[in-house]
Amino acid sequence: MGFRGDLTKNTPLEVFPDMDRQAKFKAQTYNPRFADGSADRLPVKNTALRGSSLDLGNVFSAEPKFDTDAFKTGKSANGEWIAKVPEEVGYSLSTLREGKEKYDIHCSVCHGDYGNGTGVTSKFGLNPRNLSDPSNAGTYLESAAPWSDGQLYNAISNGSASGIMLGLKDRLSPKERWSIVMYLRALQDYVGVATQAKKGQGS
C-alpha cells in the first residue's frame, strides 16, 4: 500500500484481481482434458456459429476464387433481383440437405419446422412469416409480389425490412444461405402438393 508514484521492492497487495488470472485454456495451447491434447475445439454440432463466415483458406490462397455478384448479393450485374438460385451453388441432394440443417438451426425457432410461422417465438406474441404455403406467396413477406430467390437470399443475409429478423451473413457463408433458399422452395412445393391433395379429398 502506498501513494501513487511511490517505488517499492515489496510484493504488492492485490485487493481486486480484476480477472488477471483465470481458470482457462488459451488458444493453441495444450489441454490434457482432450485426447488430441489441443485446447482448440471445433464448433459444437447443430449450433449457431458466431463471427465471420469468410472462407479464410480462399482469402489467403495464392489463387483466390472470386464469386459473381449474383452469388454474393442475389442481384444481377444491372442491379435486378435474380429469379433463381445461381448455378454455381449447385443443385444437389447434399446442398438441399445442408439447407435443411441450417434452416433447422437458424430459422425454425421462429418460422417453425415446416416454415409455417409456428415456431417457438410465435407463442410469445411475435408473428413470424409463413414461408412454406405457396398460396401466401404475396403476403408472407414485406412485398406485395411473390419474392424471387434473390430477394429471399437478401432477407436471409440482411434481415427483414421491419428489423425484427436479424441478418445471418456473419454466421452463414453465401452457399449456406443459398442452400436455405433451395430448402424453402422445396418446402413450398411440398406444402403446395399437400394442400392441393387435401382440397381434392374435400371436394
Protein backbone atom coordinates (compact mmCIF):
# COMPACT_ATOMS: atom_id res chain seq x y z
CA MET A 1 0.00 0.00 0.00
CA GLY A 2 1.32 3.45 -0.71
CA PHE A 3 0.89 6.70 -2.56
CA ARG A 4 0.74 6.76 -6.33
CA GLY A 5 4.20 7.14 -7.79
CA ASP A 6 5.99 5.57 -4.79
CA LEU A 7 8.57 2.90 -5.64
CA THR A 8 8.97 -0.25 -3.58
CA LYS A 9 10.50 -3.70 -3.83
CA ASN A 10 7.83 -5.24 -1.64
CA THR A 11 5.29 -7.65 -3.10
CA PRO A 12 2.17 -5.65 -3.99
CA LEU A 13 -1.10 -6.42 -2.23
CA GLU A 14 -3.76 -7.36 -4.76
CA VAL A 15 -7.10 -6.15 -3.41
CA PHE A 16 -9.08 -6.62 -6.63
CA PRO A 17 -7.57 -9.19 -9.04
CA ASP A 18 -9.79 -7.95 -11.91
CA MET A 19 -9.59 -11.32 -13.66
CA ASP A 20 -5.81 -11.08 -14.12
CA ARG A 21 -5.69 -14.83 -13.52
CA GLN A 22 -8.44 -17.09 -14.86
CA ALA A 23 -9.04 -20.82 -14.92
CA LYS A 24 -8.99 -21.16 -18.70
CA PHE A 25 -7.00 -22.58 -21.59
CA LYS A 26 -5.68 -20.10 -24.12
CA ALA A 27 -5.93 -20.70 -27.87
CA GLN A 28 -3.35 -23.02 -29.47
CA THR A 29 -2.15 -24.40 -26.15
CA TYR A 30 -2.01 -27.88 -24.67
CA ASN A 31 -5.11 -29.20 -22.90
CA PRO A 32 -4.84 -32.61 -21.20
CA ARG A 33 -8.64 -32.90 -20.96
CA PHE A 34 -8.95 -33.99 -24.61
CA ALA A 35 -7.45 -36.99 -26.36
CA ASP A 36 -5.71 -34.88 -29.00
CA GLY A 37 -4.21 -32.60 -26.33
CA SER A 38 -5.46 -29.45 -28.05
CA ALA A 39 -7.27 -26.59 -26.31
CA ASP A 40 -8.88 -25.53 -29.61
CA ARG A 41 -12.16 -27.33 -30.28
CA LEU A 42 -14.42 -27.49 -33.32
CA PRO A 43 -17.86 -25.83 -33.03
CA VAL A 44 -20.49 -27.97 -31.35
CA LYS A 45 -22.62 -29.75 -33.95
CA ASN A 46 -26.00 -28.19 -34.80
CA THR A 47 -25.33 -24.92 -33.01
CA ALA A 48 -25.43 -21.35 -34.29
CA LEU A 49 -21.95 -20.03 -35.04
CA ARG A 50 -20.71 -16.58 -34.14
CA GLY A 51 -18.32 -14.40 -36.06
CA SER A 52 -17.30 -14.09 -39.70
CA SER A 53 -18.33 -16.60 -42.36
CA LEU A 54 -15.33 -15.80 -44.57
CA ASP A 55 -13.54 -18.77 -46.10
CA LEU A 56 -10.07 -17.92 -44.80
CA GLY A 57 -8.50 -20.65 -46.90
CA ASN A 58 -9.76 -18.88 -50.01
CA VAL A 59 -8.92 -15.39 -48.69
CA PHE A 60 -5.25 -16.27 -48.21
CA SER A 61 -4.98 -18.54 -51.24
CA ALA A 62 -2.40 -17.76 -53.94
CA GLU A 63 -5.25 -18.07 -56.46
CA PRO A 64 -8.42 -16.94 -54.64
CA LYS A 65 -11.81 -17.66 -56.16
CA PHE A 66 -13.96 -14.58 -56.82
CA ASP A 67 -17.70 -15.22 -56.75
CA THR A 68 -20.15 -13.49 -59.07
CA ASP A 69 -22.27 -10.54 -57.90
CA ALA A 70 -25.38 -12.71 -58.20
CA PHE A 71 -23.88 -15.32 -55.89
CA LYS A 72 -22.80 -12.73 -53.29
CA THR A 73 -25.77 -10.36 -53.33
CA GLY A 74 -28.75 -12.02 -55.04
CA LYS A 75 -28.69 -9.31 -57.74
CA SER A 76 -27.57 -9.39 -61.34
CA ALA A 77 -24.91 -7.06 -62.75
CA ASN A 78 -27.59 -4.49 -63.63
CA GLY A 79 -28.96 -4.48 -60.07
CA GLU A 80 -32.06 -6.62 -60.64
CA TRP A 81 -33.04 -9.41 -58.26
CA ILE A 82 -32.20 -12.79 -59.77
CA ALA A 83 -35.14 -15.14 -60.22
CA LYS A 84 -33.40 -18.43 -59.43
CA VAL A 85 -30.51 -19.74 -57.32
CA PRO A 86 -27.20 -19.24 -59.21
CA GLU A 87 -25.83 -22.30 -60.96
CA GLU A 88 -22.54 -22.05 -59.06
CA VAL A 89 -24.40 -23.08 -55.88
CA GLY A 90 -25.04 -26.49 -57.38
CA TYR A 91 -28.40 -28.26 -57.37
CA SER A 92 -27.81 -31.46 -55.45
CA LEU A 93 -29.29 -33.51 -52.64
CA SER A 94 -26.34 -32.65 -50.40
CA THR A 95 -26.96 -28.91 -50.90
CA LEU A 96 -30.64 -29.37 -50.07
CA ARG A 97 -29.69 -31.38 -47.00
CA GLU A 98 -27.34 -28.60 -45.93
CA GLY A 99 -30.18 -26.11 -46.39
CA LYS A 100 -32.43 -28.13 -44.09
CA GLU A 101 -29.68 -28.39 -41.48
CA LYS A 102 -29.01 -24.62 -41.49
CA TYR A 103 -32.74 -23.85 -41.56
CA ASP A 104 -33.36 -26.07 -38.53
CA ILE A 105 -30.58 -24.29 -36.61
CA HIS A 106 -31.18 -20.66 -37.55
CA CYS A 107 -34.75 -20.32 -38.83
CA SER A 108 -37.08 -22.95 -37.35
CA VAL A 109 -37.22 -21.35 -33.89
CA CYS A 110 -39.29 -18.52 -35.43
CA HIS A 111 -40.71 -19.89 -38.68
CA GLY A 112 -41.37 -23.44 -37.48
CA ASP A 113 -40.09 -26.80 -38.67
CA TYR A 114 -42.20 -26.57 -41.84
CA GLY A 115 -41.83 -22.84 -42.42
CA ASN A 116 -45.46 -22.16 -41.49
CA GLY A 117 -44.67 -19.45 -38.92
CA THR A 118 -45.46 -21.57 -35.86
CA GLY A 119 -42.04 -21.69 -34.22
CA VAL A 120 -41.36 -21.22 -30.51
CA THR A 121 -41.36 -17.42 -30.76
CA SER A 122 -44.93 -17.42 -32.12
CA LYS A 123 -46.08 -18.42 -28.62
CA PHE A 124 -44.72 -15.17 -27.18
CA GLY A 125 -46.55 -12.54 -29.17
CA LEU A 126 -44.37 -12.50 -32.30
CA ASN A 127 -45.87 -13.18 -35.70
CA PRO A 128 -43.22 -14.91 -37.85
CA ARG A 129 -43.85 -15.05 -41.58
CA ASN A 130 -45.38 -18.13 -43.19
CA LEU A 131 -42.62 -19.18 -45.57
CA SER A 132 -43.96 -22.51 -46.78
CA ASP A 133 -47.50 -22.06 -48.08
CA PRO A 134 -47.30 -21.02 -51.75
CA SER A 135 -50.87 -19.67 -51.60
CA ASN A 136 -49.50 -16.90 -49.35
CA ALA A 137 -46.76 -16.01 -51.82
CA GLY A 138 -47.90 -12.39 -51.99
CA THR A 139 -48.30 -11.83 -48.26
CA TYR A 140 -45.76 -13.74 -46.20
CA LEU A 141 -43.03 -11.16 -46.79
CA GLU A 142 -42.98 -7.36 -46.81
CA SER A 143 -43.57 -7.15 -50.59
CA ALA A 144 -46.94 -7.36 -52.32
CA ALA A 145 -45.47 -9.53 -55.09
CA PRO A 146 -44.02 -13.05 -54.82
CA TRP A 147 -40.37 -12.87 -53.90
CA SER A 148 -37.62 -14.11 -56.19
CA ASP A 149 -34.81 -16.35 -54.96
CA GLY A 150 -32.56 -13.29 -54.90
CA GLN A 151 -34.91 -11.45 -52.55
CA LEU A 152 -35.16 -14.45 -50.24
CA TYR A 153 -31.37 -14.63 -50.18
CA ASN A 154 -31.17 -10.94 -49.32
CA ALA A 155 -33.66 -11.34 -46.46
CA ILE A 156 -31.64 -14.23 -45.03
CA SER A 157 -28.43 -12.23 -45.40
CA ASN A 158 -29.54 -8.83 -44.13
CA GLY A 159 -32.73 -9.49 -42.19
CA SER A 160 -36.22 -8.10 -42.71
CA ALA A 161 -37.07 -4.51 -43.51
CA SER A 162 -39.03 -4.29 -40.25
CA GLY A 163 -35.88 -5.07 -38.26
CA ILE A 164 -37.49 -7.92 -36.34
CA MET A 165 -35.46 -10.56 -38.16
CA LEU A 166 -31.69 -10.16 -37.98
CA GLY A 167 -29.41 -11.00 -40.90
CA LEU A 168 -27.28 -14.14 -40.95
CA LYS A 169 -24.48 -13.06 -43.29
CA ASP A 170 -21.93 -13.09 -40.47
CA ARG A 171 -22.88 -16.63 -39.47
CA LEU A 172 -23.53 -18.38 -42.79
CA SER A 173 -21.48 -18.48 -45.96
CA PRO A 174 -23.18 -17.39 -49.22
CA LYS A 175 -23.52 -21.03 -50.28
CA GLU A 176 -25.18 -21.93 -46.97
CA ARG A 177 -27.64 -19.04 -47.37
CA TRP A 178 -28.48 -20.17 -50.91
CA SER A 179 -28.98 -23.71 -49.64
CA ILE A 180 -31.64 -22.36 -47.24
CA VAL A 181 -33.38 -20.67 -50.21
CA MET A 182 -33.40 -24.01 -52.02
CA TYR A 183 -34.84 -25.75 -48.96
CA LEU A 184 -37.57 -23.10 -48.61
CA ARG A 185 -38.59 -23.67 -52.22
CA ALA A 186 -38.74 -27.41 -51.54
CA LEU A 187 -40.95 -26.74 -48.51
CA GLN A 188 -43.28 -24.63 -50.65
CA ASP A 189 -43.51 -27.37 -53.29
CA TYR A 190 -44.28 -29.96 -50.62
CA VAL A 191 -46.93 -27.81 -48.93
CA GLY A 192 -48.44 -26.91 -52.29
CA VAL A 193 -48.86 -30.56 -53.30
CA ALA A 194 -50.22 -31.48 -49.87
CA THR A 195 -52.66 -28.54 -49.92
CA GLN A 196 -53.98 -29.43 -53.38
CA ALA A 197 -54.36 -33.09 -52.38
CA LYS A 198 -56.33 -32.07 -49.29
CA LYS A 199 -58.61 -29.82 -51.35
CA GLY A 200 -59.19 -32.69 -53.78
CA GLN A 201 -60.22 -35.01 -50.95
CA GLY A 202 -62.57 -32.38 -49.53
CA SER A 203 -64.36 -31.89 -52.83
